[in-house]
Amino acid sequence: MAAVIEKPHLLQRLAPVFRGFDGPLMLAILILAGFGMVTMYSVGFEQGTRFVSHGRNMVLAAAVLFVVAQVPPHRLMSVALPMYVVTVLLLLGVELFGIERKGSQRWLNVGVVIQPSEIMKIAMPLMLAWWFQRREGQLKPVDFLAALILLAVPAALILKQPDLGTTLLVLASGLFVIFFAGLSWKLIVPPLVLAVAGIVTLIVMEEQWCAPGVDWMVLHNYQKVRVCTLLDPFQDPLGKGFHIIQGMIAIGSGGVWGKGFLQGTQTHLEFIPERSTDFIFAAFAEEFGLVGTLALMVAFLFLILRGLMIALDAPTLFTRLLAGAMILNIFVYAFVNMGMVSGILPVVGVPLPFVSYGGTAMVSMGVGLGILMAIGRSKRLMQS
C-alpha cells in the first residue's frame, strides 16, 4: 500500500518564516509599541484621528520589519554601496530641485514625495560597515579618514537643508560604526575635550555669545537661537523658550505617580506644543509620572541591551558593526528626545521611538530593527 503523505497545514508551512526570530527583542518592541499606543490615544483622543494613524504606521513598520528580517546579511552587504550612492545623488537632487516647506528644503518629488535624509540613516551605517568589512585585518589610518569623508559628505548636504536633528542622527550612525571598527582613543579624546571646553566657554560667556548680531558662522541663526534658548529659556518665555518651559512644567507636574491616564492638564489644555510628535515625552511624563518614565526607560534599556548582545554575537565584522550602529541609533533617538524635552539639550526635530507620531520615522525604525533581527536570526538559524 502506498504511503499517504499528509499535506502540511498553514501553520506548519509558515513556521520556517518565523523560525529564528529573537523573542526578547520582539518582546521589547511590543512593550514600547504598547507605551506608544496608550500615549497617542491620550494626547489625541479629542480629535480621534492620530491614534488610528499611529496604529496604521506601526502596522506598516511591523510589516517592513518582517520583510527586512527575511533578508540574509550578505544580501544587505551587496546593496550597501549602491544604496549609499543613490541616496547621495538624491540629496544632491534635494539641493537643486527640492521642495521647500516651513523654511527647509528637505523633500524631493520622484513621482512620490520622499525625504532622502531619512534613507541616509540606514544607508550610512550599511556603507561604512561594508567599507570596514572589505578592509578587515589590514586597516590603516587612511581607511578611517576615508570613512570620515564618506560620512561628512551626506552630513553636510543634510545640514545645508537645514536639518540639524537628522544631521546629528546620521553622524551618530556613522560614528558608531567607525568607533566599533577600532578607532583609537587617541583620536577620539581630543575632539571630546574641545567639545567640552566649547560648551563650558559658551555657558560662562552666554551673554556675549548670545547677544543679537553675533554670528556663529557654522550654524544658522535659528540654530544659534535654539542653543541660547536652552541656556536661558526664560529670556523669551512666550516665544522661543515656550516649548522648553512647558515641557519642564509638564514633566515636573507629573510627580511620582503622574496625574493619571487622560488627566494631563498641560497636555489637554494644549500648553504642550507638538504634544503628539517631538514633545510627546512631556505628555507621557505628566500622566504617568516618575514611575511611568522609569518603566519607559527600562523598556528602552532592555531593547538596547538585547540589541548589543545580538551585535556582540554576530558572525562577521560587517554584521557586528551594522547591528551595533542600528541599536545605538535608537539610543540616540531616545536620549536626544528626552533630553530636549527635559531642557538639557537644544530643541531639535528628533522623535521618541515607537511613541512619537510620524510615518517616515516609524518605517525607518522598522527597517533598522528588521536589519538587527535579520542579523540575529541568521546566527540562530546557522546554529540550529
Protein backbone atom coordinates (compact mmCIF):
# COMPACT_ATOMS: atom_id res chain seq x y z
CA MET A 1 0.00 0.00 0.00
CA ALA A 2 1.36 3.37 -0.94
CA ALA A 3 2.21 5.70 1.91
CA VAL A 4 -0.20 8.54 2.44
CA ILE A 5 1.58 11.89 2.56
CA GLU A 6 -0.35 14.42 4.57
CA LYS A 7 -0.31 17.95 3.29
CA PRO A 8 1.12 20.28 5.98
CA HIS A 9 -1.38 22.74 7.38
CA LEU A 10 -0.95 26.51 7.17
CA LEU A 11 0.88 26.95 10.48
CA GLN A 12 3.40 24.27 9.52
CA ARG A 13 4.06 25.98 6.20
CA LEU A 14 4.51 29.37 7.88
CA ALA A 15 6.75 28.07 10.70
CA PRO A 16 10.05 28.36 8.74
CA VAL A 17 9.31 32.03 8.02
CA PHE A 18 9.08 32.85 11.74
CA ARG A 19 11.79 30.44 12.94
CA GLY A 20 14.80 32.16 14.44
CA PHE A 21 13.12 35.45 15.35
CA ASP A 22 14.59 36.89 18.55
CA GLY A 23 11.96 36.56 21.28
CA PRO A 24 13.41 39.07 23.80
CA LEU A 25 13.90 41.67 21.06
CA MET A 26 10.30 41.23 19.87
CA LEU A 27 9.05 41.49 23.46
CA ALA A 28 10.89 44.80 23.96
CA ILE A 29 9.48 46.15 20.69
CA LEU A 30 5.92 45.16 21.65
CA ILE A 31 6.23 46.75 25.10
CA LEU A 32 7.45 50.03 23.62
CA ALA A 33 4.76 49.90 20.93
CA GLY A 34 2.20 49.47 23.73
CA PHE A 35 3.54 52.56 25.50
CA GLY A 36 3.28 54.44 22.21
CA MET A 37 -0.33 53.45 21.50
CA VAL A 38 -1.51 54.31 25.03
CA THR A 39 0.22 57.70 24.96
CA MET A 40 -1.01 58.54 21.46
CA TYR A 41 -4.59 57.76 22.45
CA SER A 42 -4.29 60.14 25.39
CA VAL A 43 -2.68 63.08 23.55
CA GLY A 44 -5.01 62.88 20.57
CA PHE A 45 -8.26 61.48 21.89
CA GLU A 46 -10.18 64.75 21.40
CA GLN A 47 -9.66 64.58 17.62
CA GLY A 48 -9.53 60.78 17.49
CA THR A 49 -7.50 60.70 14.27
CA ARG A 50 -3.83 60.40 15.12
CA PHE A 51 -4.35 57.33 17.30
CA VAL A 52 -5.69 55.38 14.32
CA SER A 53 -3.00 56.74 12.01
CA HIS A 54 -0.32 55.92 14.59
CA GLY A 55 -1.60 52.34 14.76
CA ARG A 56 -1.56 52.12 10.97
CA ASN A 57 2.03 53.41 10.91
CA MET A 58 3.01 50.78 13.46
CA VAL A 59 1.43 48.01 11.39
CA LEU A 60 3.31 49.27 8.32
CA ALA A 61 6.59 49.41 10.29
CA ALA A 62 5.96 45.87 11.59
CA ALA A 63 5.41 44.63 8.03
CA VAL A 64 8.64 46.32 6.91
CA LEU A 65 10.48 44.78 9.89
CA PHE A 66 9.16 41.33 8.99
CA VAL A 67 10.18 41.62 5.33
CA VAL A 68 13.66 43.02 6.06
CA ALA A 69 14.23 40.30 8.69
CA GLN A 70 13.98 37.69 5.90
CA VAL A 71 16.96 39.20 4.05
CA PRO A 72 20.27 37.37 4.69
CA PRO A 73 23.05 39.70 5.92
CA HIS A 74 25.22 39.03 2.85
CA ARG A 75 22.39 40.43 0.71
CA LEU A 76 22.40 43.55 2.85
CA MET A 77 26.11 43.89 2.20
CA SER A 78 25.55 43.73 -1.55
CA VAL A 79 23.15 46.70 -1.53
CA ALA A 80 25.29 48.92 0.75
CA LEU A 81 27.31 50.73 -1.94
CA PRO A 82 24.50 51.31 -4.49
CA MET A 83 22.12 52.44 -1.74
CA TYR A 84 24.66 54.96 -0.44
CA VAL A 85 25.45 56.34 -3.92
CA VAL A 86 21.79 56.66 -4.90
CA THR A 87 20.92 58.40 -1.62
CA VAL A 88 23.77 60.91 -2.01
CA LEU A 89 22.51 61.66 -5.53
CA LEU A 90 19.01 62.15 -4.12
CA LEU A 91 20.41 64.57 -1.53
CA LEU A 92 22.07 66.49 -4.35
CA GLY A 93 18.70 66.47 -6.09
CA VAL A 94 17.14 67.99 -2.97
CA GLU A 95 19.75 70.74 -3.08
CA LEU A 96 18.99 71.51 -6.74
CA PHE A 97 15.29 70.71 -7.15
CA GLY A 98 13.98 70.09 -3.64
CA ILE A 99 10.57 71.04 -2.25
CA GLU A 100 10.66 73.72 0.43
CA ARG A 101 8.35 73.63 3.45
CA LYS A 102 8.47 75.88 6.53
CA GLY A 103 11.85 77.29 5.53
CA SER A 104 13.53 73.91 4.98
CA GLN A 105 14.29 72.22 1.66
CA ARG A 106 14.29 68.52 2.61
CA TRP A 107 11.94 66.77 0.17
CA LEU A 108 12.18 65.59 -3.43
CA ASN A 109 9.43 64.65 -5.86
CA VAL A 110 10.36 61.50 -7.78
CA GLY A 111 6.80 60.53 -8.63
CA VAL A 112 6.16 60.42 -4.90
CA VAL A 113 7.49 62.92 -2.39
CA ILE A 114 10.39 61.43 -0.39
CA GLN A 115 12.84 62.68 2.23
CA PRO A 116 16.27 61.26 1.23
CA SER A 117 17.85 62.18 4.57
CA GLU A 118 15.68 59.51 6.24
CA ILE A 119 17.07 56.89 3.84
CA MET A 120 20.61 58.00 4.72
CA LYS A 121 20.03 56.95 8.35
CA ILE A 122 20.07 53.37 7.03
CA ALA A 123 22.42 53.80 4.07
CA MET A 124 25.23 55.35 6.14
CA PRO A 125 25.87 52.51 8.62
CA LEU A 126 25.42 49.98 5.79
CA MET A 127 28.06 51.75 3.69
CA LEU A 128 30.62 52.15 6.47
CA ALA A 129 30.13 48.57 7.70
CA TRP A 130 30.71 47.40 4.11
CA TRP A 131 33.81 49.63 3.89
CA PHE A 132 35.44 48.21 7.02
CA GLN A 133 34.47 44.62 6.17
CA ARG A 134 36.43 44.89 2.89
CA ARG A 135 39.48 46.10 4.84
CA GLU A 136 39.27 43.65 7.72
CA GLY A 137 42.70 42.68 9.00
CA GLN A 138 44.52 45.43 7.07
CA LEU A 139 43.04 48.64 8.48
CA LYS A 140 45.21 51.74 8.24
CA PRO A 141 44.67 55.34 9.44
CA VAL A 142 43.83 56.35 5.86
CA ASP A 143 40.87 53.94 5.91
CA PHE A 144 39.39 55.79 8.90
CA LEU A 145 39.99 59.09 7.12
CA ALA A 146 38.14 57.80 4.05
CA ALA A 147 35.28 56.64 6.28
CA LEU A 148 35.04 60.13 7.81
CA ILE A 149 34.84 61.64 4.32
CA LEU A 150 32.09 59.17 3.36
CA LEU A 151 30.25 60.34 6.47
CA ALA A 152 30.93 64.06 6.08
CA VAL A 153 29.60 64.45 2.51
CA PRO A 154 25.95 63.46 3.14
CA ALA A 155 26.00 65.04 6.62
CA ALA A 156 26.99 68.38 5.08
CA LEU A 157 24.23 68.11 2.46
CA ILE A 158 21.61 67.41 5.14
CA LEU A 159 22.87 70.22 7.39
CA LYS A 160 22.53 72.64 4.47
CA GLN A 161 18.79 71.86 4.03
CA PRO A 162 18.84 72.79 7.04
CA ASP A 163 18.01 69.78 9.24
CA LEU A 164 20.17 69.70 12.36
CA GLY A 165 18.29 66.82 14.02
CA THR A 166 18.68 64.41 11.10
CA THR A 167 22.30 65.54 10.62
CA LEU A 168 23.08 64.54 14.22
CA LEU A 169 21.39 61.15 13.75
CA VAL A 170 23.27 60.42 10.50
CA LEU A 171 26.56 61.49 12.10
CA ALA A 172 25.86 59.30 15.13
CA SER A 173 25.04 56.24 12.98
CA GLY A 174 28.31 56.64 11.08
CA LEU A 175 30.49 57.46 14.09
CA PHE A 176 29.24 54.37 15.92
CA VAL A 177 30.45 52.18 13.04
CA ILE A 178 33.82 53.97 12.92
CA PHE A 179 34.22 53.61 16.70
CA PHE A 180 33.35 49.90 16.72
CA ALA A 181 35.74 49.34 13.80
CA GLY A 182 38.60 50.20 16.16
CA LEU A 183 39.22 53.94 16.00
CA SER A 184 41.95 54.78 18.51
CA TRP A 185 41.03 56.65 21.70
CA LYS A 186 43.94 58.98 20.92
CA LEU A 187 41.86 60.32 18.04
CA ILE A 188 38.58 60.35 20.00
CA VAL A 189 39.63 62.15 23.19
CA PRO A 190 40.94 65.47 21.69
CA PRO A 191 37.65 66.33 19.87
CA LEU A 192 35.71 65.42 23.03
CA VAL A 193 37.93 67.69 25.14
CA LEU A 194 37.47 70.54 22.63
CA ALA A 195 33.69 69.99 22.62
CA VAL A 196 33.50 70.09 26.44
CA ALA A 197 35.72 73.20 26.52
CA GLY A 198 33.48 74.86 23.93
CA ILE A 199 30.31 74.08 25.91
CA VAL A 200 31.85 75.40 29.15
CA THR A 201 33.00 78.57 27.37
CA LEU A 202 29.53 79.07 25.89
CA ILE A 203 27.87 78.70 29.30
CA VAL A 204 30.32 81.08 31.01
CA MET A 205 30.14 83.69 28.22
CA GLU A 206 26.46 83.23 27.41
CA GLU A 207 25.62 86.95 27.36
CA GLN A 208 28.41 87.78 24.89
CA TRP A 209 27.89 84.79 22.59
CA CYS A 210 24.10 85.02 22.57
CA ALA A 211 23.92 88.77 22.07
CA PRO A 212 21.97 89.93 18.97
CA GLY A 213 24.16 90.30 15.92
CA VAL A 214 26.80 87.77 16.99
CA ASP A 215 27.35 85.37 14.08
CA TRP A 216 28.28 81.75 14.87
CA MET A 217 29.27 81.14 11.23
CA VAL A 218 28.90 77.33 11.21
CA LEU A 219 25.28 77.44 12.42
CA HIS A 220 22.17 79.07 11.04
CA ASN A 221 20.69 81.85 13.15
CA TYR A 222 17.72 79.71 14.20
CA GLN A 223 20.13 77.02 15.43
CA LYS A 224 22.03 79.63 17.47
CA VAL A 225 18.70 80.75 18.96
CA ARG A 226 17.90 77.17 19.98
CA VAL A 227 21.18 76.78 21.85
CA CYS A 228 20.85 80.17 23.56
CA THR A 229 17.23 79.40 24.47
CA LEU A 230 18.39 76.18 26.11
CA LEU A 231 20.82 78.14 28.28
CA ASP A 232 18.12 80.59 29.40
CA PRO A 233 14.59 79.78 28.17
CA PHE A 234 13.08 82.48 30.43
CA GLN A 235 14.60 85.25 28.30
CA ASP A 236 11.67 84.69 25.92
CA PRO A 237 9.11 82.64 27.88
CA LEU A 238 6.22 83.25 25.46
CA GLY A 239 8.31 82.86 22.33
CA LYS A 240 11.43 80.77 21.72
CA GLY A 241 11.54 79.45 25.30
CA PHE A 242 7.89 78.37 25.39
CA HIS A 243 8.50 74.79 24.25
CA ILE A 244 11.20 74.04 26.83
CA ILE A 245 9.38 75.76 29.71
CA GLN A 246 6.07 73.97 29.07
CA GLY A 247 7.86 70.62 28.67
CA MET A 248 9.62 71.03 32.02
CA ILE A 249 6.38 72.14 33.73
CA ALA A 250 4.53 69.08 32.40
CA ILE A 251 7.26 66.67 33.47
CA GLY A 252 7.53 68.23 36.94
CA SER A 253 3.77 68.36 37.49
CA GLY A 254 3.50 64.61 36.93
CA GLY A 255 5.25 63.96 40.24
CA VAL A 256 5.98 60.38 41.28
CA TRP A 257 2.80 58.64 40.17
CA GLY A 258 1.53 61.01 37.49
CA LYS A 259 -1.86 62.68 37.09
CA GLY A 260 -3.40 59.60 35.53
CA PHE A 261 -4.38 58.41 32.06
CA LEU A 262 -6.24 61.16 30.14
CA GLN A 263 -5.83 63.52 33.13
CA GLY A 264 -2.84 65.61 31.99
CA THR A 265 -3.83 69.26 32.27
CA GLN A 266 -0.80 70.66 30.42
CA THR A 267 -1.48 68.15 27.66
CA HIS A 268 -5.22 68.52 27.22
CA LEU A 269 -5.31 72.27 27.72
CA GLU A 270 -2.80 72.34 24.83
CA PHE A 271 0.04 74.08 26.65
CA ILE A 272 2.48 71.44 25.40
CA PRO A 273 3.44 72.26 21.78
CA GLU A 274 3.80 69.36 19.32
CA ARG A 275 2.40 67.05 22.00
CA SER A 276 1.94 64.11 19.63
CA THR A 277 5.35 64.39 17.96
CA ASP A 278 8.55 65.92 19.35
CA PHE A 279 7.18 66.71 22.84
CA ILE A 280 5.13 63.58 23.46
CA PHE A 281 7.51 62.54 26.26
CA ALA A 282 6.33 65.55 28.30
CA ALA A 283 2.71 64.41 27.91
CA PHE A 284 3.68 60.86 28.92
CA ALA A 285 5.61 62.04 32.00
CA GLU A 286 2.75 64.28 33.11
CA GLU A 287 0.20 61.47 33.07
CA PHE A 288 2.37 58.57 34.26
CA GLY A 289 4.89 60.38 36.45
CA LEU A 290 8.32 59.24 37.56
CA VAL A 291 7.22 55.62 37.85
CA GLY A 292 5.93 55.51 34.28
CA THR A 293 9.00 57.35 32.99
CA LEU A 294 11.31 54.83 34.68
CA ALA A 295 9.29 51.97 33.19
CA LEU A 296 9.66 53.51 29.72
CA MET A 297 13.41 53.95 30.24
CA VAL A 298 13.77 50.36 31.45
CA ALA A 299 11.97 49.16 28.29
CA PHE A 300 14.37 51.16 26.11
CA LEU A 301 17.34 49.87 28.12
CA PHE A 302 16.13 46.27 27.69
CA LEU A 303 15.80 46.78 23.92
CA ILE A 304 19.26 48.37 23.64
CA LEU A 305 21.00 45.73 25.75
CA ARG A 306 19.36 42.95 23.75
CA GLY A 307 20.45 44.62 20.52
CA LEU A 308 24.03 44.94 21.77
CA MET A 309 24.02 41.23 22.67
CA ILE A 310 22.97 40.44 19.09
CA ALA A 311 25.78 42.69 17.83
CA LEU A 312 28.38 41.00 20.03
CA ASP A 313 27.25 37.56 18.84
CA ALA A 314 27.15 38.47 15.14
CA PRO A 315 29.31 36.21 12.92
CA THR A 316 31.15 38.78 10.76
CA LEU A 317 32.69 42.23 11.13
CA PHE A 318 30.05 43.66 8.77
CA THR A 319 27.14 42.34 10.84
CA ARG A 320 28.74 43.33 14.16
CA LEU A 321 29.30 46.91 13.03
CA LEU A 322 25.88 47.18 11.43
CA ALA A 323 23.97 45.69 14.37
CA GLY A 324 25.83 47.89 16.86
CA ALA A 325 25.06 51.04 14.86
CA MET A 326 21.39 50.16 14.36
CA ILE A 327 20.64 49.59 18.04
CA LEU A 328 22.64 52.59 19.26
CA ASN A 329 20.73 54.76 16.78
CA ILE A 330 17.64 54.04 18.87
CA PHE A 331 19.57 55.07 21.99
CA VAL A 332 20.46 58.39 20.34
CA TYR A 333 16.83 58.95 19.29
CA ALA A 334 15.55 58.32 22.83
CA PHE A 335 18.34 60.23 24.61
CA VAL A 336 18.10 63.32 22.40
CA ASN A 337 14.29 63.43 22.51
CA MET A 338 14.06 63.02 26.29
CA GLY A 339 16.97 65.44 26.75
CA MET A 340 15.45 68.23 24.67
CA VAL A 341 12.02 67.88 26.29
CA SER A 342 13.64 67.91 29.75
CA GLY A 343 15.62 71.06 28.97
CA ILE A 344 19.13 69.57 28.96
CA LEU A 345 19.60 69.56 25.15
CA PRO A 346 18.61 72.05 22.42
CA VAL A 347 15.25 71.51 20.73
CA VAL A 348 15.76 69.56 17.50
CA GLY A 349 13.30 67.58 15.44
CA VAL A 350 14.04 64.10 16.81
CA PRO A 351 11.06 61.79 17.58
CA LEU A 352 10.80 59.40 20.53
CA PRO A 353 10.99 55.87 19.04
CA PHE A 354 7.66 53.97 18.97
CA VAL A 355 5.91 56.79 20.84
CA SER A 356 6.04 59.92 18.65
CA TYR A 357 3.69 60.23 15.68
CA GLY A 358 5.32 60.03 12.25
CA GLY A 359 5.11 57.58 9.37
CA THR A 360 8.54 58.09 7.81
CA ALA A 361 10.41 57.81 11.11
CA MET A 362 8.38 54.73 12.08
CA VAL A 363 9.15 52.94 8.80
CA SER A 364 12.84 53.89 9.14
CA MET A 365 12.76 52.36 12.62
CA GLY A 366 11.17 49.22 11.18
CA VAL A 367 13.96 48.88 8.61
CA GLY A 368 16.67 49.30 11.27
CA LEU A 369 15.11 46.76 13.64
CA GLY A 370 14.46 44.41 10.71
CA ILE A 371 18.17 44.51 9.87
CA LEU A 372 19.01 43.80 13.52
CA MET A 373 16.52 40.93 13.56
CA ALA A 374 17.96 39.52 10.32
CA ILE A 375 21.47 39.51 11.80
CA GLY A 376 20.36 37.74 14.99
CA ARG A 377 18.12 35.38 13.03
CA SER A 378 20.85 34.27 10.62
CA LYS A 379 23.10 33.37 13.55
CA ARG A 380 20.42 31.27 15.26
CA LEU A 381 19.39 29.52 12.03
CA MET A 382 23.02 28.56 11.37
CA GLN A 383 23.27 27.07 14.89
CA SER A 384 20.01 25.08 14.60
